[in-house]
Amino acid sequence: MRVINENRHSVQCLARTLVPISYQQQIIKRRRPDEIEAMLEAYASLKLHSLPNTQNLNLSEDAQAEIWSWLDYENAPANSLEYQLYRLCWYMLENNLLSPETEQKFVQRYAFMPRRYDKIQYLEQTEVFMLQELERNMDFFTFQDLVGYLSRHRLHQAAETGLMGLKQIKKDGQVVSGSEVIECYLKLYKNLHMDAQRELINRGDHNLIMLYIKESEYGLDASNELFERGNRAEVEAFIARYRLG
């Protein structure tokens, strides 16, 4: 199987070199580890996560679902076919772009797994899903897990906005305010999308708002919301930053 060069100039060129869905299923049903590995490596080499609107060029959902089921072979003998398939499943989970459905199954089981996010950022839907799950279950992941991920990846826009509303999280076994994570995020990236700026102001955390006004790379654009909030120190800091008046 030909391994695709990352430097192709168009998605159309990439599409002509990929494995048709019907062939994906045939390769999987043959259960030949060398063939499956070659297919997974070819898709991994495309770096599809760095290209827009390419989910249709990825392994099909049916193929991913079948490979996902091979996690059940974890305790198979090391030299067995089943264990080879289990290892190939982990290759896919660590290296391949996953569909939203498969990626959400993955994070429900493993949450923030450095073996994956060191190579591939989670999809926007997955980032939002994880923050929502944390609101329902404080044990879903910890401060250390989230900050580890944030140190590698700036959140997609919808997830960044969601982060600004994070209420609490566990850190070293104790429940702490989500403001601690947000402070780390602001110091890492120093700029927020407009919706996230609005959510930050709506949060009403004076220290975070002052931090953003003073240290944001491009400044605060949500000035209407800031003035409506009416905190004198924040307004004065904003005016000083832009030398208004």
Protein backbone atom coordinates (compact mmCIF):
# COMPACT_ATOMS: atom_id res chain seq x y z
CA MET A 1 0.00 0.00 0.00
CA ARG A 2 1.32 3.35 -1.01
CA VAL A 3 2.08 5.70 1.89
CA ILE A 4 0.81 9.15 0.99
CA ASN A 5 3.16 12.09 1.09
CA GLU A 6 1.99 14.79 3.51
CA ASN A 7 2.88 17.52 1.02
CA ARG A 8 0.01 16.88 -1.40
CA HIS A 9 -1.47 20.14 -2.59
CA SER A 10 -5.17 19.28 -2.45
CA VAL A 11 -7.64 17.08 -0.71
CA GLN A 12 -8.76 15.86 -4.13
CA CYS A 13 -5.31 14.43 -4.81
CA LEU A 14 -5.35 12.68 -1.46
CA ALA A 15 -8.79 11.20 -2.08
CA ARG A 16 -7.65 9.40 -5.23
CA THR A 17 -4.99 7.50 -3.31
CA LEU A 18 -7.08 6.28 -0.35
CA VAL A 19 -8.72 2.92 0.18
CA PRO A 20 -12.41 2.77 -0.87
CA ILE A 21 -14.78 1.92 1.97
CA SER A 22 -15.63 -1.48 0.49
CA TYR A 23 -11.91 -2.36 0.35
CA GLN A 24 -11.43 -1.23 3.94
CA GLN A 25 -13.99 -3.79 5.02
CA GLN A 26 -12.38 -6.51 2.91
CA ILE A 27 -8.96 -5.82 4.41
CA ILE A 28 -10.37 -5.92 7.93
CA LYS A 29 -12.32 -9.14 7.30
CA ARG A 30 -9.18 -10.87 5.99
CA ARG A 31 -7.63 -10.13 9.41
CA ARG A 32 -4.12 -10.03 7.98
CA PRO A 33 -2.15 -7.86 10.45
CA ASP A 34 0.37 -6.74 7.82
CA GLU A 35 -2.37 -5.49 5.50
CA ILE A 36 -4.30 -3.75 8.29
CA GLU A 37 -1.14 -2.12 9.59
CA ALA A 38 -0.28 -0.82 6.12
CA MET A 39 -3.76 0.68 5.76
CA LEU A 40 -3.62 2.35 9.16
CA GLU A 41 -0.13 3.72 8.50
CA ALA A 42 -1.24 5.15 5.14
CA TYR A 43 -4.08 7.06 6.76
CA ALA A 44 -1.92 8.17 9.69
CA SER A 45 0.65 9.59 7.27
CA LEU A 46 -1.95 11.93 5.76
CA LYS A 47 -2.10 14.07 8.92
CA LEU A 48 -5.80 14.57 8.21
CA HIS A 49 -6.25 16.28 11.58
CA SER A 50 -4.35 19.27 10.18
CA LEU A 51 -6.63 19.65 7.15
CA PRO A 52 -10.17 21.08 7.15
CA ASN A 53 -13.27 19.03 6.34
CA THR A 54 -11.48 15.74 5.73
CA GLN A 55 -13.50 13.32 7.86
CA ASN A 56 -14.88 11.75 4.67
CA LEU A 57 -11.30 10.84 3.70
CA ASN A 58 -10.71 8.95 6.91
CA LEU A 59 -11.32 5.32 7.75
CA SER A 60 -15.07 4.67 7.64
CA GLU A 61 -17.07 4.59 10.85
CA ASP A 62 -17.78 0.86 10.30
CA ALA A 63 -14.07 0.13 9.93
CA GLN A 64 -13.25 2.09 13.08
CA ALA A 65 -16.03 0.33 15.00
CA GLU A 66 -14.69 -3.09 14.03
CA ILE A 67 -11.12 -2.17 14.96
CA TRP A 68 -12.36 -0.64 18.23
CA SER A 69 -13.90 -4.02 19.14
CA TRP A 70 -10.41 -5.52 19.14
CA LEU A 71 -9.78 -3.87 22.51
CA ASP A 72 -11.58 -6.93 23.87
CA TYR A 73 -8.49 -9.00 22.97
CA GLU A 74 -6.32 -7.30 25.59
CA ASN A 75 -5.75 -10.52 27.55
CA ALA A 76 -5.17 -12.77 24.54
CA PRO A 77 -1.85 -14.69 24.40
CA ALA A 78 0.99 -12.45 23.23
CA ASN A 79 1.72 -14.51 20.12
CA SER A 80 -1.90 -14.89 19.01
CA LEU A 81 -3.66 -13.21 16.09
CA GLU A 82 -6.11 -11.64 18.53
CA TYR A 83 -3.33 -9.91 20.43
CA GLN A 84 -1.85 -8.58 17.18
CA LEU A 85 -5.27 -7.13 16.36
CA TYR A 86 -5.44 -5.59 19.84
CA ARG A 87 -2.08 -3.88 19.22
CA LEU A 88 -3.33 -2.61 15.84
CA CYS A 89 -6.37 -1.13 17.56
CA TRP A 90 -4.04 0.82 19.83
CA TYR A 91 -2.06 1.97 16.80
CA MET A 92 -5.28 3.42 15.36
CA LEU A 93 -6.22 5.07 18.67
CA GLU A 94 -2.82 6.70 19.02
CA ASN A 95 -2.12 7.72 15.43
CA ASN A 96 -5.25 7.98 13.30
CA LEU A 97 -7.89 10.65 13.00
CA LEU A 98 -11.02 9.19 14.58
CA SER A 99 -14.64 9.91 13.83
CA PRO A 100 -16.50 11.93 16.49
CA GLU A 101 -18.29 8.75 17.59
CA THR A 102 -15.12 6.70 18.01
CA GLU A 103 -13.18 9.51 19.63
CA GLN A 104 -15.91 10.10 22.19
CA LYS A 105 -15.96 6.38 23.03
CA PHE A 106 -12.21 6.65 23.48
CA VAL A 107 -12.33 9.59 25.87
CA GLN A 108 -15.17 8.04 27.86
CA ARG A 109 -12.85 5.12 28.49
CA TYR A 110 -9.45 6.81 28.74
CA ALA A 111 -10.13 10.59 29.08
CA PHE A 112 -6.95 12.63 28.45
CA MET A 113 -4.49 10.04 27.15
CA PRO A 114 -1.08 11.60 26.35
CA ARG A 115 -0.31 8.71 24.01
CA ARG A 116 -2.98 10.17 21.70
CA TYR A 117 -3.00 13.90 22.30
CA ASP A 118 0.79 14.17 22.02
CA LYS A 119 0.21 13.37 18.33
CA ILE A 120 -3.31 14.51 17.52
CA GLN A 121 -5.56 17.18 19.01
CA TYR A 122 -9.04 16.02 19.91
CA LEU A 123 -11.89 17.14 17.69
CA GLU A 124 -13.84 20.23 18.72
CA GLN A 125 -16.91 18.10 19.47
CA THR A 126 -14.80 15.91 21.73
CA GLU A 127 -13.32 18.82 23.67
CA VAL A 128 -16.80 20.23 24.28
CA PHE A 129 -18.09 16.77 25.23
CA MET A 130 -15.32 16.28 27.79
CA LEU A 131 -15.99 19.60 29.50
CA GLN A 132 -19.69 18.75 29.65
CA GLU A 133 -18.91 15.33 31.11
CA LEU A 134 -16.73 16.94 33.78
CA GLU A 135 -19.69 19.06 34.87
CA ARG A 136 -21.61 15.81 35.45
CA ASN A 137 -18.79 13.77 36.92
CA MET A 138 -15.97 15.35 38.90
CA ASP A 139 -13.88 12.19 38.57
CA PHE A 140 -13.91 12.25 34.76
CA PHE A 141 -10.49 13.94 34.65
CA THR A 142 -8.32 16.11 36.89
CA PHE A 143 -6.68 19.52 36.81
CA GLN A 144 -3.37 17.85 35.95
CA ASP A 145 -4.97 15.94 33.06
CA LEU A 146 -6.55 19.04 31.57
CA VAL A 147 -3.52 21.28 31.98
CA GLY A 148 -1.35 18.58 30.42
CA TYR A 149 -3.58 18.67 27.35
CA LEU A 150 -3.75 22.47 27.26
CA SER A 151 0.02 22.69 27.36
CA ARG A 152 -0.01 20.88 24.00
CA HIS A 153 -3.15 22.23 22.33
CA ARG A 154 -5.12 25.44 22.34
CA LEU A 155 -8.79 24.52 22.53
CA HIS A 156 -11.07 24.83 19.54
CA GLN A 157 -13.35 27.86 19.66
CA ALA A 158 -16.49 26.26 21.15
CA ALA A 159 -14.46 24.39 23.76
CA GLU A 160 -12.51 27.52 24.66
CA THR A 161 -15.80 29.29 25.35
CA GLY A 162 -16.93 26.32 27.42
CA LEU A 163 -13.74 26.39 29.46
CA MET A 164 -14.47 29.96 30.56
CA GLY A 165 -17.56 28.63 32.34
CA LEU A 166 -15.79 25.77 34.14
CA LYS A 167 -16.95 25.82 37.74
CA GLN A 168 -14.70 23.34 39.51
CA ILE A 169 -12.23 20.54 39.04
CA LYS A 170 -10.23 18.12 41.16
CA LYS A 171 -6.60 18.95 41.88
CA ASP A 172 -4.42 16.72 44.07
CA GLY A 173 -7.54 15.06 45.43
CA GLN A 174 -9.23 18.34 46.37
CA VAL A 175 -11.98 20.23 44.57
CA VAL A 176 -10.75 23.63 43.40
CA SER A 177 -12.26 26.43 41.36
CA GLY A 178 -12.13 26.16 37.60
CA SER A 179 -10.56 29.61 37.71
CA GLU A 180 -7.19 27.94 38.32
CA VAL A 181 -7.38 26.19 34.96
CA ILE A 182 -8.56 29.33 33.20
CA GLU A 183 -5.64 31.29 34.65
CA CYS A 184 -3.23 28.69 33.28
CA TYR A 185 -4.95 28.85 29.89
CA LEU A 186 -4.80 32.66 29.70
CA LYS A 187 -1.11 32.64 30.56
CA LEU A 188 -0.46 29.99 27.90
CA TYR A 189 -2.37 31.53 25.00
CA LYS A 190 -2.92 35.22 25.94
CA ASN A 191 -5.82 35.61 23.53
CA LEU A 192 -9.42 34.42 23.44
CA HIS A 193 -12.03 34.21 20.74
CA MET A 194 -14.77 36.84 21.08
CA ASP A 195 -17.37 34.45 22.50
CA ALA A 196 -14.85 33.23 25.07
CA GLN A 197 -14.05 36.82 26.06
CA ARG A 198 -17.74 37.45 26.65
CA GLU A 199 -18.02 34.28 28.72
CA LEU A 200 -14.97 35.29 30.75
CA ILE A 201 -16.58 38.63 31.61
CA ASN A 202 -19.92 36.96 32.35
CA ARG A 203 -18.07 34.65 34.72
CA GLY A 204 -17.39 37.71 36.86
CA ASP A 205 -13.98 36.69 38.21
CA HIS A 206 -12.25 40.02 38.76
CA ASN A 207 -8.73 38.60 38.93
CA LEU A 208 -9.13 36.73 35.63
CA ILE A 209 -10.60 39.74 33.89
CA MET A 210 -7.75 41.95 35.09
CA LEU A 211 -5.23 39.32 33.99
CA TYR A 212 -6.71 39.25 30.52
CA ILE A 213 -6.91 43.04 30.17
CA LYS A 214 -3.28 43.49 31.19
CA GLU A 215 -1.63 40.48 29.53
CA SER A 216 -3.72 39.52 26.50
CA GLU A 217 -1.73 39.58 23.31
CA TYR A 218 -4.29 41.53 21.28
CA GLY A 219 -6.25 43.13 24.10
CA LEU A 220 -9.89 42.86 25.08
CA ASP A 221 -12.45 43.21 22.28
CA ALA A 222 -15.57 42.58 24.40
CA SER A 223 -15.55 46.16 25.65
CA ASN A 224 -19.34 46.53 25.64
CA GLU A 225 -19.69 43.67 28.11
CA LEU A 226 -16.87 45.07 30.23
CA PHE A 227 -18.44 48.53 30.50
CA GLU A 228 -21.86 47.03 31.21
CA ARG A 229 -20.29 45.08 34.07
CA GLY A 230 -19.24 48.42 35.51
CA ASN A 231 -16.28 47.41 37.67
CA ARG A 232 -14.23 50.59 38.11
CA ALA A 233 -10.82 48.91 38.43
CA GLU A 234 -11.43 46.83 35.31
CA VAL A 235 -12.64 49.81 33.29
CA GLU A 236 -9.65 51.90 34.37
CA ALA A 237 -7.27 49.08 33.48
CA PHE A 238 -8.92 48.82 30.07
CA ILE A 239 -8.67 52.58 29.49
CA ALA A 240 -5.00 52.56 30.58
CA ARG A 241 -4.25 49.66 28.22
CA TYR A 242 -5.70 51.51 25.24
CA ARG A 243 -5.06 55.04 26.51
CA LEU A 244 -8.65 56.03 25.99
CA GLY A 245 -10.11 59.32 27.15
